[in-house]
Structure formats: structure tokens, C-alpha cells
Amino acid sequence: MATAVTTIDQRVTQIVGTNGYDTQITNVFGPAMLHEVKKRFKLSLDALLRICKAKNIVVDTMQKQKVWTCGGLTSETKITLPDELKVVSQNELMLTLVHEMTHALPTGARTDDKYYRHHEKFKTAKVQRKLITADYYAEVFDRVLKNIAVTCFCQPMPLKFPNSRMACLSSTAGNSRSW
């Protein structure tokens, strides 16, 4: 767990402190939200580090998540992770912690779980919904971990193309993935 938190600290510090990962942020949230997303990443990281320092990242060995039907349970002071995370990859653990750390923000700033990365509407949600949904931050972090640097501008199609909802013009560099 400590290794995952240390790596998250290093990566999020780079994400918010440099422009090296701005492409990953803007590909998910759009360019207008760059500053706001970096601010929320920083606040979320501060919450994760505070909770970790207080030794309040715990694993639910009683498997209460099966009753709650959720993967993790997070407040401003505690992150409770499912027992199954003891056997996942380091990257999967970090993605879960990044997701959960955004729930640890104070009321009014914390995220919810309206959409998850596997949901159909995840890719087409409005920017304001993205800002308050945890898995969009995990998506950015995943793109940083995998070094996915794609420039993709998705825009509504003109009405003369009624059978197609989106046009995506992308330029790729190496191994890439776009929405």
C-alpha cells in the first residue's frame, strides 16, 4: 500500500506541477478544465496523504463491501478498500486509490460515482459531470501510467451527417488509444 501511495504522490505532483501531462487531462476533461482538474487532483492527493499518514487506509477483511455493493467506502478521514484489492496489480491498486482519494474531499468538492469507466455514457458525459465523477480522474491517471499521448478533438457532427453522433479527428504518436 505504501508503495502505491508514494507512486501516486510522485505522479500527481508531476501532473499538477508541470505541463507534461496536460494532454492526458485535456483529452479527458477538455482544455477549458485544465486548471480546475489540476487543482482538484492536488486537493485529492492532499486528502490521500493525510488519510495515509493517519493510517486510515484500511482493507475490509470482513467483506462488508458485498453488503454495501460497492468497491470502496471513503470519507474525509478514512478509505476502506475491498479485500480483493490485496491480490490485484500495483496499477489497479493505484487506480482504485486515485478514484477513492477524490471522494475524500470536503462536501461540495468531493466526487461521486455517476459513471464508471466501463459505462457507455462515460465517454460522452458533460464536462461538469466529469469534474465531479471519480473515475475521470482515474482515467487521466491511467493514461499517465500507460503514457498514452493522443490528441483527440471530439465534436458533435454537423446536422448533414444524421447517422453519426461524433466526429473524432485524432493524431497519434506511437501506441495510443482515443475515446
Protein backbone atom coordinates (compact mmCIF):
# COMPACT_ATOMS: atom_id res chain seq x y z
CA MET A 1 0.00 0.00 0.00
CA ALA A 2 2.80 2.43 0.89
CA THR A 3 4.46 1.92 -2.50
CA ALA A 4 1.20 2.70 -4.29
CA VAL A 5 0.66 5.88 -2.27
CA THR A 6 4.26 7.00 -2.85
CA THR A 7 3.93 6.46 -6.60
CA ILE A 8 0.59 8.31 -6.67
CA ASP A 9 2.21 11.18 -4.76
CA GLN A 10 5.05 11.38 -7.28
CA ARG A 11 2.83 11.12 -10.36
CA VAL A 12 0.11 13.52 -9.21
CA THR A 13 2.79 16.02 -8.18
CA GLN A 14 4.09 15.81 -11.76
CA ILE A 15 0.58 16.03 -13.22
CA VAL A 16 -0.27 19.22 -11.32
CA GLY A 17 3.19 20.79 -11.24
CA THR A 18 4.21 20.52 -14.88
CA ASN A 19 2.63 20.71 -18.29
CA GLY A 20 3.98 17.27 -19.22
CA TYR A 21 0.61 15.56 -18.73
CA ASP A 22 -1.71 18.33 -19.86
CA THR A 23 -2.60 16.32 -22.98
CA GLN A 24 -3.90 13.45 -20.86
CA ILE A 25 -6.04 15.86 -18.82
CA THR A 26 -7.41 17.76 -21.79
CA ASN A 27 -8.19 14.53 -23.68
CA VAL A 28 -10.50 13.54 -20.82
CA PHE A 29 -11.83 16.85 -19.48
CA GLY A 30 -11.25 19.31 -22.33
CA PRO A 31 -8.80 22.25 -22.38
CA ALA A 32 -11.09 24.67 -20.51
CA MET A 33 -10.94 22.49 -17.38
CA LEU A 34 -7.16 22.04 -17.20
CA HIS A 35 -6.56 24.39 -14.24
CA GLU A 36 -9.61 23.15 -12.30
CA VAL A 37 -8.71 19.48 -12.78
CA LYS A 38 -5.14 20.10 -11.61
CA LYS A 39 -6.48 21.91 -8.54
CA ARG A 40 -8.81 19.01 -7.72
CA PHE A 41 -6.03 16.47 -8.27
CA LYS A 42 -3.84 18.38 -5.79
CA LEU A 43 -6.60 18.61 -3.18
CA SER A 44 -7.36 14.91 -3.62
CA LEU A 45 -3.69 14.00 -3.24
CA ASP A 46 -3.52 16.06 -0.04
CA ALA A 47 -6.54 14.13 1.27
CA LEU A 48 -4.95 10.77 0.38
CA LEU A 49 -1.66 11.69 2.07
CA ARG A 50 -3.49 12.95 5.18
CA ILE A 51 -5.52 9.72 5.42
CA CYS A 52 -2.42 7.58 4.81
CA LYS A 53 -0.42 9.44 7.46
CA ALA A 54 -3.25 8.83 9.95
CA LYS A 55 -3.09 5.12 8.99
CA ASN A 56 -6.72 5.23 7.92
CA ILE A 57 -6.46 3.35 4.65
CA VAL A 58 -7.85 0.00 5.66
CA VAL A 59 -8.79 -3.25 3.96
CA ASP A 60 -12.26 -4.62 4.57
CA THR A 61 -11.34 -8.16 5.61
CA MET A 62 -14.90 -8.79 6.79
CA GLN A 63 -16.02 -8.24 3.16
CA LYS A 64 -18.72 -5.74 4.08
CA GLN A 65 -18.50 -4.35 0.53
CA LYS A 66 -20.60 -7.33 -0.55
CA VAL A 67 -23.39 -6.00 1.64
CA TRP A 68 -22.80 -2.37 0.64
CA THR A 69 -22.40 -3.40 -3.03
CA CYS A 70 -19.51 -1.02 -3.52
CA GLY A 71 -15.82 -1.49 -4.12
CA GLY A 72 -14.61 1.03 -1.57
CA LEU A 73 -16.03 3.32 1.02
CA THR A 74 -14.41 6.71 1.54
CA SER A 75 -14.95 9.71 3.79
CA GLU A 76 -12.79 12.75 4.51
CA THR A 77 -10.94 10.75 7.17
CA LYS A 78 -10.89 7.11 6.03
CA ILE A 79 -10.58 4.95 2.93
CA THR A 80 -11.89 1.41 3.22
CA LEU A 81 -10.83 -0.84 0.36
CA PRO A 82 -12.28 -4.23 -0.58
CA ASP A 83 -10.42 -7.36 0.45
CA GLU A 84 -9.97 -8.35 -3.20
CA LEU A 85 -7.51 -5.47 -3.73
CA LYS A 86 -4.90 -7.47 -1.85
CA VAL A 87 -4.41 -9.61 -4.97
CA VAL A 88 -4.58 -7.08 -7.84
CA SER A 89 -1.71 -5.45 -9.70
CA GLN A 90 0.00 -2.34 -8.35
CA ASN A 91 -1.52 -0.30 -11.19
CA GLU A 92 -5.04 -1.50 -10.37
CA LEU A 93 -4.50 -0.63 -6.70
CA MET A 94 -3.26 2.85 -7.66
CA LEU A 95 -6.25 3.45 -9.94
CA THR A 96 -8.58 2.48 -7.11
CA LEU A 97 -6.78 4.79 -4.68
CA VAL A 98 -6.88 7.69 -7.16
CA HIS A 99 -10.61 7.08 -7.61
CA GLU A 100 -11.18 6.90 -3.84
CA MET A 101 -8.99 9.91 -2.99
CA THR A 102 -11.33 12.15 -4.98
CA HIS A 103 -14.18 11.02 -2.71
CA ALA A 104 -12.17 12.22 0.32
CA LEU A 105 -12.62 15.90 -0.49
CA PRO A 106 -14.92 18.04 1.69
CA THR A 107 -18.62 18.19 0.94
CA GLY A 108 -19.22 20.30 -2.13
CA ALA A 109 -15.92 19.33 -3.74
CA ARG A 110 -15.92 15.54 -3.43
CA THR A 111 -16.72 13.33 -6.36
CA ASP A 112 -19.47 10.78 -6.79
CA ASP A 113 -19.84 7.64 -8.90
CA LYS A 114 -22.36 8.66 -11.55
CA TYR A 115 -20.37 6.85 -14.23
CA TYR A 116 -17.58 4.31 -14.22
CA ARG A 117 -15.06 3.80 -16.99
CA HIS A 118 -16.94 0.77 -18.34
CA HIS A 119 -20.27 2.64 -18.66
CA GLU A 120 -21.49 3.53 -22.13
CA LYS A 121 -22.12 7.19 -21.24
CA PHE A 122 -18.67 7.65 -19.67
CA LYS A 123 -17.14 8.95 -22.90
CA THR A 124 -19.92 11.40 -23.70
CA ALA A 125 -20.67 12.98 -20.31
CA LYS A 126 -20.74 16.75 -19.99
CA VAL A 127 -17.66 18.45 -18.55
CA GLN A 128 -19.40 19.50 -15.31
CA ARG A 129 -20.39 15.84 -14.71
CA LYS A 130 -16.80 14.74 -15.36
CA LEU A 131 -15.44 17.19 -12.78
CA ILE A 132 -17.49 15.55 -10.03
CA THR A 133 -17.14 11.90 -11.07
CA ALA A 134 -14.25 9.93 -9.59
CA ASP A 135 -13.43 7.62 -12.48
CA TYR A 136 -12.47 10.50 -14.80
CA TYR A 137 -9.51 11.22 -12.51
CA ALA A 138 -8.62 7.52 -12.57
CA GLU A 139 -8.84 7.66 -16.39
CA VAL A 140 -6.33 10.53 -16.51
CA PHE A 141 -4.04 8.71 -14.08
CA ASP A 142 -4.28 5.52 -16.16
CA ARG A 143 -3.34 7.46 -19.29
CA VAL A 144 -0.33 8.89 -17.44
CA LEU A 145 0.75 5.43 -16.22
CA LYS A 146 0.43 3.98 -19.72
CA ASN A 147 2.00 7.05 -21.33
CA ILE A 148 -0.97 7.46 -23.66
CA ALA A 149 -0.50 10.73 -25.50
CA VAL A 150 -3.19 11.19 -28.11
CA THR A 151 -4.57 14.45 -29.36
CA CYS A 152 -8.24 13.83 -29.95
CA PHE A 153 -10.85 16.51 -30.54
CA CYS A 154 -14.34 15.08 -30.34
CA GLN A 155 -17.09 17.39 -31.51
CA PRO A 156 -20.76 16.97 -32.42
CA MET A 157 -21.19 16.25 -36.10
CA PRO A 158 -22.95 18.82 -38.30
CA LEU A 159 -26.58 18.01 -38.98
CA LYS A 160 -25.76 16.95 -42.53
CA PHE A 161 -24.45 13.68 -41.02
CA PRO A 162 -27.55 12.50 -39.13
CA ASN A 163 -26.39 8.88 -38.77
CA SER A 164 -23.21 9.74 -36.93
CA ARG A 165 -23.13 11.32 -33.46
CA MET A 166 -19.46 12.23 -33.12
CA ALA A 167 -16.52 13.09 -35.32
CA CYS A 168 -13.15 12.43 -33.84
CA LEU A 169 -10.08 13.79 -35.55
CA SER A 170 -7.03 12.32 -33.96
CA SER A 171 -3.33 12.38 -34.49
CA THR A 172 -1.44 9.64 -32.76
CA ALA A 173 2.08 9.22 -31.55
CA GLY A 174 3.08 5.60 -31.14
CA ASN A 175 0.85 3.32 -29.11
CA SER A 176 -2.33 5.24 -28.42
CA ARG A 177 -5.97 5.00 -27.56
CA SER A 178 -8.69 7.53 -28.12
CA TRP A 179 -12.27 7.89 -27.00
